[in-house]
Amino acid sequence: MWRILRTAAAAVIIAGTTNNAFASPIFFTSETPFNAALGGATLGLESFESNFTGGVLSVDFDALTVTGDQNLIRTNPSTLATDGTGTIGIIDFNFNGNFMTFSFDSPINAFSLDVLAANDFFSGGNIILGNNNGASQILYSGLLPTSQVSFIGLIDTTTPFSSVTVTTTLSGDGVQYDRLRFGTVDSTPTPVPEPSTMLLFGTGLAAAAYRRWRKAAARAEGD
């Protein structure tokens, strides 16, 4: 009997916490769960193949503008490119880390990017992803393998955002970026049970468990 009641209580706890595990925003360091979270949505793609002029702080692309705290660098062909042959990059000539901001013409709620060869010498540093709504998280920390491709992603179906900033803190580091994906995924919220609904649900489970126990006990006495 107590085992049945404990199972019912566990079900109440799960019902109250499952949806919270998917609260926005969600940060990603692996592409597989990011793609799964898209729910089949098709995102826009920028591979930085256009022949933009390097040595400037800001570059306009079809649906976004890229701005750096130091001069942007165009590399084409790049041995590190993950889509096509071109990348956009930045080198920390000021030796205090660097950042690159991607500002979109229209608000989005899904973003991903390949970060190339970051934090791959000396003691490493942090790769931080944040948006203009204040959501921010350290996604990589410490020394990474040489020329590693580090996936970063962000989905926030609650609050769309119009810009994303990638910060690397390693002094003197040179970083390239490629395969920027961006767009909008389904923002329909998943209903979260009200406390009263959860209580009724739990009470019903407990009552059903008790009835099953009584019937089993009665059959045992009849035998």
C-alpha atoms as a PDB file:
ATOM      1  CA  MET A   1       0.000   0.000   0.000  1.00  0.00           C
ATOM      2  CA  TRP A   2       2.679   2.493   0.963  1.00  0.00           C
ATOM      3  CA  ARG A   3       4.595   1.646  -2.204  1.00  0.00           C
ATOM      4  CA  ILE A   4       1.529   2.574  -4.282  1.00  0.00           C
ATOM      5  CA  LEU A   5       1.047   5.849  -2.412  1.00  0.00           C
ATOM      6  CA  ARG A   6       4.717   6.743  -2.827  1.00  0.00           C
ATOM      7  CA  THR A   7       4.366   6.139  -6.575  1.00  0.00           C
ATOM      8  CA  ALA A   8       1.342   8.444  -6.679  1.00  0.00           C
ATOM      9  CA  ALA A   9       3.230  11.147  -4.775  1.00  0.00           C
ATOM     10  CA  ALA A  10       6.167  10.861  -7.152  1.00  0.00           C
ATOM     11  CA  ALA A  11       3.792  11.329 -10.072  1.00  0.00           C
ATOM     12  CA  VAL A  12       2.528  14.587  -8.530  1.00  0.00           C
ATOM     13  CA  ILE A  13       6.099  15.861  -8.148  1.00  0.00           C
ATOM     14  CA  ILE A  14       6.964  14.969 -11.731  1.00  0.00           C
ATOM     15  CA  ALA A  15       3.803  16.658 -13.031  1.00  0.00           C
ATOM     16  CA  GLY A  16       4.842  19.852 -11.304  1.00  0.00           C
ATOM     17  CA  THR A  17       8.453  19.906 -12.462  1.00  0.00           C
ATOM     18  CA  THR A  18       8.650  18.419 -15.954  1.00  0.00           C
ATOM     19  CA  ASN A  19       7.632  21.569 -17.832  1.00  0.00           C
ATOM     20  CA  ASN A  20       9.983  23.757 -15.789  1.00  0.00           C
ATOM     21  CA  ALA A  21      12.923  21.800 -17.213  1.00  0.00           C
ATOM     22  CA  PHE A  22      12.182  23.376 -20.592  1.00  0.00           C
ATOM     23  CA  ALA A  23      11.864  26.972 -19.417  1.00  0.00           C
ATOM     24  CA  SER A  24      13.389  29.622 -21.694  1.00  0.00           C
ATOM     25  CA  PRO A  25      16.053  30.643 -22.502  1.00  0.00           C
ATOM     26  CA  ILE A  26      17.903  27.432 -23.335  1.00  0.00           C
ATOM     27  CA  PHE A  27      21.618  27.452 -24.195  1.00  0.00           C
ATOM     28  CA  PHE A  28      23.278  24.690 -26.237  1.00  0.00           C
ATOM     29  CA  THR A  29      26.808  23.395 -26.812  1.00  0.00           C
ATOM     30  CA  SER A  30      25.683  20.455 -28.971  1.00  0.00           C
ATOM     31  CA  GLU A  31      23.880  20.667 -32.293  1.00  0.00           C
ATOM     32  CA  THR A  32      21.792  17.504 -31.885  1.00  0.00           C
ATOM     33  CA  PRO A  33      19.580  18.749 -29.015  1.00  0.00           C
ATOM     34  CA  PHE A  34      19.437  22.193 -30.638  1.00  0.00           C
ATOM     35  CA  ASN A  35      18.042  20.711 -33.846  1.00  0.00           C
ATOM     36  CA  ALA A  36      15.577  18.620 -31.857  1.00  0.00           C
ATOM     37  CA  ALA A  37      14.357  21.735 -30.035  1.00  0.00           C
ATOM     38  CA  LEU A  38      13.646  23.449 -33.354  1.00  0.00           C
ATOM     39  CA  GLY A  39      10.649  21.183 -33.812  1.00  0.00           C
ATOM     40  CA  GLY A  40      11.164  20.995 -37.569  1.00  0.00           C
ATOM     41  CA  ALA A  41      11.509  24.764 -38.060  1.00  0.00           C
ATOM     42  CA  THR A  42      13.739  25.912 -40.910  1.00  0.00           C
ATOM     43  CA  LEU A  43      16.270  28.599 -39.988  1.00  0.00           C
ATOM     44  CA  GLY A  44      18.028  31.181 -42.102  1.00  0.00           C
ATOM     45  CA  LEU A  45      21.698  30.632 -42.887  1.00  0.00           C
ATOM     46  CA  GLU A  46      24.633  33.025 -43.218  1.00  0.00           C
ATOM     47  CA  SER A  47      27.956  31.447 -44.210  1.00  0.00           C
ATOM     48  CA  PHE A  48      29.928  34.672 -44.746  1.00  0.00           C
ATOM     49  CA  GLU A  49      30.737  33.868 -48.356  1.00  0.00           C
ATOM     50  CA  SER A  50      30.211  37.422 -49.638  1.00  0.00           C
ATOM     51  CA  ASN A  51      33.293  39.409 -50.570  1.00  0.00           C
ATOM     52  CA  PHE A  52      33.088  41.947 -47.745  1.00  0.00           C
ATOM     53  CA  THR A  53      35.940  44.279 -46.938  1.00  0.00           C
ATOM     54  CA  GLY A  54      37.945  43.372 -43.861  1.00  0.00           C
ATOM     55  CA  GLY A  55      39.591  45.796 -41.476  1.00  0.00           C
ATOM     56  CA  VAL A  56      36.327  47.488 -40.456  1.00  0.00           C
ATOM     57  CA  LEU A  57      34.282  47.374 -37.262  1.00  0.00           C
ATOM     58  CA  SER A  58      30.922  46.585 -38.870  1.00  0.00           C
ATOM     59  CA  VAL A  59      29.700  44.624 -41.915  1.00  0.00           C
ATOM     60  CA  ASP A  60      26.142  44.360 -43.307  1.00  0.00           C
ATOM     61  CA  PHE A  61      24.810  41.065 -44.642  1.00  0.00           C
ATOM     62  CA  ASP A  62      21.406  40.151 -46.099  1.00  0.00           C
ATOM     63  CA  ALA A  63      19.448  39.913 -42.847  1.00  0.00           C
ATOM     64  CA  LEU A  64      21.902  41.030 -40.186  1.00  0.00           C
ATOM     65  CA  THR A  65      24.803  43.290 -39.260  1.00  0.00           C
ATOM     66  CA  VAL A  66      27.996  42.021 -37.623  1.00  0.00           C
ATOM     67  CA  THR A  67      29.909  44.375 -35.322  1.00  0.00           C
ATOM     68  CA  GLY A  68      33.178  43.758 -33.505  1.00  0.00           C
ATOM     69  CA  ASP A  69      35.012  45.585 -30.764  1.00  0.00           C
ATOM     70  CA  GLN A  70      38.057  45.384 -33.045  1.00  0.00           C
ATOM     71  CA  ASN A  71      38.474  45.187 -36.830  1.00  0.00           C
ATOM     72  CA  LEU A  72      36.703  42.270 -38.494  1.00  0.00           C
ATOM     73  CA  ILE A  73      38.698  39.877 -40.635  1.00  0.00           C
ATOM     74  CA  ARG A  74      37.493  38.054 -43.734  1.00  0.00           C
ATOM     75  CA  THR A  75      39.106  34.684 -44.432  1.00  0.00           C
ATOM     76  CA  ASN A  76      38.273  33.010 -47.735  1.00  0.00           C
ATOM     77  CA  PRO A  77      39.296  30.327 -48.307  1.00  0.00           C
ATOM     78  CA  SER A  78      39.540  29.197 -44.688  1.00  0.00           C
ATOM     79  CA  THR A  79      40.684  25.732 -43.709  1.00  0.00           C
ATOM     80  CA  LEU A  80      38.357  26.004 -40.699  1.00  0.00           C
ATOM     81  CA  ALA A  81      35.156  26.838 -42.617  1.00  0.00           C
ATOM     82  CA  THR A  82      32.204  24.576 -41.762  1.00  0.00           C
ATOM     83  CA  ASP A  83      29.870  25.769 -44.540  1.00  0.00           C
ATOM     84  CA  GLY A  84      31.323  26.931 -47.852  1.00  0.00           C
ATOM     85  CA  THR A  85      34.834  28.390 -47.778  1.00  0.00           C
ATOM     86  CA  GLY A  86      34.516  31.751 -46.024  1.00  0.00           C
ATOM     87  CA  THR A  87      34.503  32.819 -42.386  1.00  0.00           C
ATOM     88  CA  ILE A  88      34.341  36.057 -40.447  1.00  0.00           C
ATOM     89  CA  GLY A  89      36.772  36.584 -37.607  1.00  0.00           C
ATOM     90  CA  ILE A  90      38.453  38.894 -35.170  1.00  0.00           C
ATOM     91  CA  ILE A  91      41.887  39.078 -33.524  1.00  0.00           C
ATOM     92  CA  ASP A  92      42.459  40.494 -30.065  1.00  0.00           C
ATOM     93  CA  PHE A  93      45.227  42.974 -30.828  1.00  0.00           C
ATOM     94  CA  ASN A  94      44.409  44.830 -27.596  1.00  0.00           C
ATOM     95  CA  PHE A  95      45.061  41.694 -25.499  1.00  0.00           C
ATOM     96  CA  ASN A  96      41.940  42.055 -23.392  1.00  0.00           C
ATOM     97  CA  GLY A  97      39.572  39.562 -25.045  1.00  0.00           C
ATOM     98  CA  ASN A  98      37.069  40.442 -27.743  1.00  0.00           C
ATOM     99  CA  PHE A  99      33.405  40.320 -28.664  1.00  0.00           C
ATOM    100  CA  MET A 100      31.317  40.147 -31.821  1.00  0.00           C
ATOM    101  CA  THR A 101      27.653  41.186 -31.984  1.00  0.00           C
ATOM    102  CA  PHE A 102      25.160  39.859 -34.522  1.00  0.00           C
ATOM    103  CA  SER A 103      22.208  42.258 -34.914  1.00  0.00           C
ATOM    104  CA  PHE A 104      19.201  41.008 -36.895  1.00  0.00           C
ATOM    105  CA  ASP A 105      16.833  43.008 -39.086  1.00  0.00           C
ATOM    106  CA  SER A 106      13.842  41.277 -37.453  1.00  0.00           C
ATOM    107  CA  PRO A 107      13.498  39.704 -33.964  1.00  0.00           C
ATOM    108  CA  ILE A 108      14.351  36.006 -33.707  1.00  0.00           C
ATOM    109  CA  ASN A 109      14.114  33.385 -30.979  1.00  0.00           C
ATOM    110  CA  ALA A 110      16.613  30.797 -32.245  1.00  0.00           C
ATOM    111  CA  PHE A 111      20.324  31.250 -32.945  1.00  0.00           C
ATOM    112  CA  SER A 112      23.335  29.011 -33.480  1.00  0.00           C
ATOM    113  CA  LEU A 113      26.920  29.536 -34.600  1.00  0.00           C
ATOM    114  CA  ASP A 114      30.145  27.603 -35.139  1.00  0.00           C
ATOM    115  CA  VAL A 115      33.041  29.126 -33.171  1.00  0.00           C
ATOM    116  CA  LEU A 116      36.372  28.181 -34.729  1.00  0.00           C
ATOM    117  CA  ALA A 117      39.762  27.923 -33.038  1.00  0.00           C
ATOM    118  CA  ALA A 118      38.824  29.794 -29.862  1.00  0.00           C
ATOM    119  CA  ASN A 119      40.609  29.308 -26.526  1.00  0.00           C
ATOM    120  CA  ASP A 120      43.147  26.936 -28.078  1.00  0.00           C
ATOM    121  CA  PHE A 121      46.404  28.241 -26.665  1.00  0.00           C
ATOM    122  CA  PHE A 122      47.940  29.271 -23.330  1.00  0.00           C
ATOM    123  CA  SER A 123      45.452  28.617 -20.516  1.00  0.00           C
ATOM    124  CA  GLY A 124      42.273  29.117 -22.534  1.00  0.00           C
ATOM    125  CA  GLY A 125      39.470  31.405 -21.448  1.00  0.00           C
ATOM    126  CA  ASN A 126      35.686  31.644 -21.582  1.00  0.00           C
ATOM    127  CA  ILE A 127      33.286  31.670 -24.513  1.00  0.00           C
ATOM    128  CA  ILE A 128      30.178  33.554 -23.438  1.00  0.00           C
ATOM    129  CA  LEU A 129      26.893  33.791 -25.338  1.00  0.00           C
ATOM    130  CA  GLY A 130      24.341  36.489 -24.519  1.00  0.00           C
ATOM    131  CA  ASN A 131      21.479  38.410 -26.093  1.00  0.00           C
ATOM    132  CA  ASN A 132      20.082  41.928 -25.847  1.00  0.00           C
ATOM    133  CA  ASN A 133      17.475  40.808 -23.286  1.00  0.00           C
ATOM    134  CA  GLY A 134      20.174  40.116 -20.711  1.00  0.00           C
ATOM    135  CA  ALA A 135      20.286  36.317 -21.028  1.00  0.00           C
ATOM    136  CA  SER A 136      23.916  35.195 -20.817  1.00  0.00           C
ATOM    137  CA  GLN A 137      25.869  32.038 -20.101  1.00  0.00           C
ATOM    138  CA  ILE A 138      29.460  30.759 -20.190  1.00  0.00           C
ATOM    139  CA  LEU A 139      29.340  27.873 -22.665  1.00  0.00           C
ATOM    140  CA  TYR A 140      33.019  26.891 -22.784  1.00  0.00           C
ATOM    141  CA  SER A 141      35.765  27.463 -20.260  1.00  0.00           C
ATOM    142  CA  GLY A 142      39.464  26.614 -20.230  1.00  0.00           C
ATOM    143  CA  LEU A 143      41.853  25.360 -22.884  1.00  0.00           C
ATOM    144  CA  LEU A 144      40.227  23.792 -25.956  1.00  0.00           C
ATOM    145  CA  PRO A 145      41.824  21.506 -28.586  1.00  0.00           C
ATOM    146  CA  THR A 146      43.672  23.282 -31.392  1.00  0.00           C
ATOM    147  CA  SER A 147      41.356  24.535 -34.151  1.00  0.00           C
ATOM    148  CA  GLN A 148      38.301  23.018 -32.463  1.00  0.00           C
ATOM    149  CA  VAL A 149      34.830  23.757 -33.854  1.00  0.00           C
ATOM    150  CA  SER A 150      32.705  24.749 -30.859  1.00  0.00           C
ATOM    151  CA  PHE A 151      28.941  24.803 -31.379  1.00  0.00           C
ATOM    152  CA  ILE A 152      26.928  27.439 -29.513  1.00  0.00           C
ATOM    153  CA  GLY A 153      23.172  27.943 -29.611  1.00  0.00           C
ATOM    154  CA  LEU A 154      20.316  29.765 -27.917  1.00  0.00           C
ATOM    155  CA  ILE A 155      16.530  29.320 -28.094  1.00  0.00           C
ATOM    156  CA  ASP A 156      14.110  31.556 -26.197  1.00  0.00           C
ATOM    157  CA  THR A 157      10.496  30.955 -27.210  1.00  0.00           C
ATOM    158  CA  THR A 158       9.281  33.258 -24.440  1.00  0.00           C
ATOM    159  CA  THR A 159      11.107  36.479 -25.322  1.00  0.00           C
ATOM    160  CA  PRO A 160      12.381  37.100 -28.885  1.00  0.00           C
ATOM    161  CA  PHE A 161      15.686  38.941 -29.208  1.00  0.00           C
ATOM    162  CA  SER A 162      17.208  41.165 -31.873  1.00  0.00           C
ATOM    163  CA  SER A 163      20.929  40.757 -31.227  1.00  0.00           C
ATOM    164  CA  VAL A 164      23.386  38.199 -29.906  1.00  0.00           C
ATOM    165  CA  THR A 165      26.910  38.806 -28.618  1.00  0.00           C
ATOM    166  CA  VAL A 166      29.695  36.229 -28.467  1.00  0.00           C
ATOM    167  CA  THR A 167      32.509  37.143 -26.074  1.00  0.00           C
ATOM    168  CA  THR A 168      35.863  35.388 -25.840  1.00  0.00           C
ATOM    169  CA  THR A 169      37.994  36.315 -22.850  1.00  0.00           C
ATOM    170  CA  LEU A 170      41.362  34.808 -23.781  1.00  0.00           C
ATOM    171  CA  SER A 171      43.890  37.610 -24.207  1.00  0.00           C
ATOM    172  CA  GLY A 172      45.406  37.828 -27.689  1.00  0.00           C
ATOM    173  CA  ASP A 173      43.171  35.141 -29.170  1.00  0.00           C
ATOM    174  CA  GLY A 174      42.113  35.030 -32.816  1.00  0.00           C
ATOM    175  CA  VAL A 175      38.639  33.591 -33.485  1.00  0.00           C
ATOM    176  CA  GLN A 176      36.712  32.755 -36.663  1.00  0.00           C
ATOM    177  CA  TYR A 177      32.937  32.214 -36.979  1.00  0.00           C
ATOM    178  CA  ASP A 178      30.880  30.347 -39.573  1.00  0.00           C
ATOM    179  CA  ARG A 179      27.477  28.745 -40.305  1.00  0.00           C
ATOM    180  CA  LEU A 180      25.283  31.217 -38.501  1.00  0.00           C
ATOM    181  CA  ARG A 181      21.694  29.928 -38.270  1.00  0.00           C
ATOM    182  CA  PHE A 182      18.858  32.149 -37.088  1.00  0.00           C
ATOM    183  CA  GLY A 183      15.087  32.437 -37.179  1.00  0.00           C
ATOM    184  CA  THR A 184      11.876  31.722 -35.315  1.00  0.00           C
ATOM    185  CA  VAL A 185      10.563  28.472 -33.856  1.00  0.00           C
ATOM    186  CA  ASP A 186       7.104  27.711 -32.500  1.00  0.00           C
ATOM    187  CA  SER A 187       6.490  29.956 -29.502  1.00  0.00           C
ATOM    188  CA  THR A 188       3.278  28.250 -28.322  1.00  0.00           C
ATOM    189  CA  PRO A 189       3.793  27.810 -24.573  1.00  0.00           C
ATOM    190  CA  THR A 190       3.451  24.380 -23.025  1.00  0.00           C
ATOM    191  CA  PRO A 191       0.626  24.544 -20.443  1.00  0.00           C
ATOM    192  CA  VAL A 192       1.882  24.316 -16.879  1.00  0.00           C
ATOM    193  CA  PRO A 193      -0.629  22.791 -14.405  1.00  0.00           C
ATOM    194  CA  GLU A 194      -1.909  25.145 -11.749  1.00  0.00           C
ATOM    195  CA  PRO A 195      -1.193  24.064  -8.134  1.00  0.00           C
ATOM    196  CA  SER A 196      -4.883  23.274  -7.563  1.00  0.00           C
ATOM    197  CA  THR A 197      -4.987  21.086 -10.665  1.00  0.00           C
ATOM    198  CA  MET A 198      -1.891  19.257  -9.519  1.00  0.00           C
ATOM    199  CA  LEU A 199      -3.452  18.687  -6.094  1.00  0.00           C
ATOM    200  CA  LEU A 200      -6.633  17.252  -7.602  1.00  0.00           C
ATOM    201  CA  PHE A 201      -4.560  15.057  -9.877  1.00  0.00           C
ATOM    202  CA  GLY A 202      -2.520  13.766  -6.965  1.00  0.00           C
ATOM    203  CA  THR A 203      -5.605  13.182  -4.832  1.00  0.00           C
ATOM    204  CA  GLY A 204      -7.189  11.181  -7.641  1.00  0.00           C
ATOM    205  CA  LEU A 205      -4.114   9.010  -7.985  1.00  0.00           C
ATOM    206  CA  ALA A 206      -4.033   8.348  -4.270  1.00  0.00           C
ATOM    207  CA  ALA A 207      -7.746   7.464  -4.202  1.00  0.00           C
ATOM    208  CA  ALA A 208      -7.400   5.087  -7.120  1.00  0.00           C
ATOM    209  CA  ALA A 209      -4.409   3.451  -5.480  1.00  0.00           C
ATOM    210  CA  TYR A 210      -6.355   3.023  -2.236  1.00  0.00           C
ATOM    211  CA  ARG A 211      -9.307   1.387  -4.043  1.00  0.00           C
ATOM    212  CA  ARG A 212      -6.967  -1.028  -5.784  1.00  0.00           C
ATOM    213  CA  TRP A 213      -5.409  -1.928  -2.444  1.00  0.00           C
ATOM    214  CA  ARG A 214      -8.822  -2.524  -0.817  1.00  0.00           C
ATOM    215  CA  LYS A 215      -9.964  -4.793  -3.655  1.00  0.00           C
ATOM    216  CA  ALA A 216      -6.737  -6.771  -3.481  1.00  0.00           C
ATOM    217  CA  ALA A 217      -7.090  -7.104   0.292  1.00  0.00           C
ATOM    218  CA  ALA A 218     -10.702  -8.263  -0.025  1.00  0.00           C
ATOM    219  CA  ARG A 219      -9.788 -10.908  -2.563  1.00  0.00           C
ATOM    220  CA  ALA A 220      -7.024 -12.129  -0.274  1.00  0.00           C
ATOM    221  CA  GLU A 221      -9.488 -12.473   2.639  1.00  0.00           C
ATOM    222  CA  GLY A 222     -11.962 -14.349   0.405  1.00  0.00           C
ATOM    223  CA  ASP A 223      -9.317 -16.876  -0.500  1.00  0.00           C
END
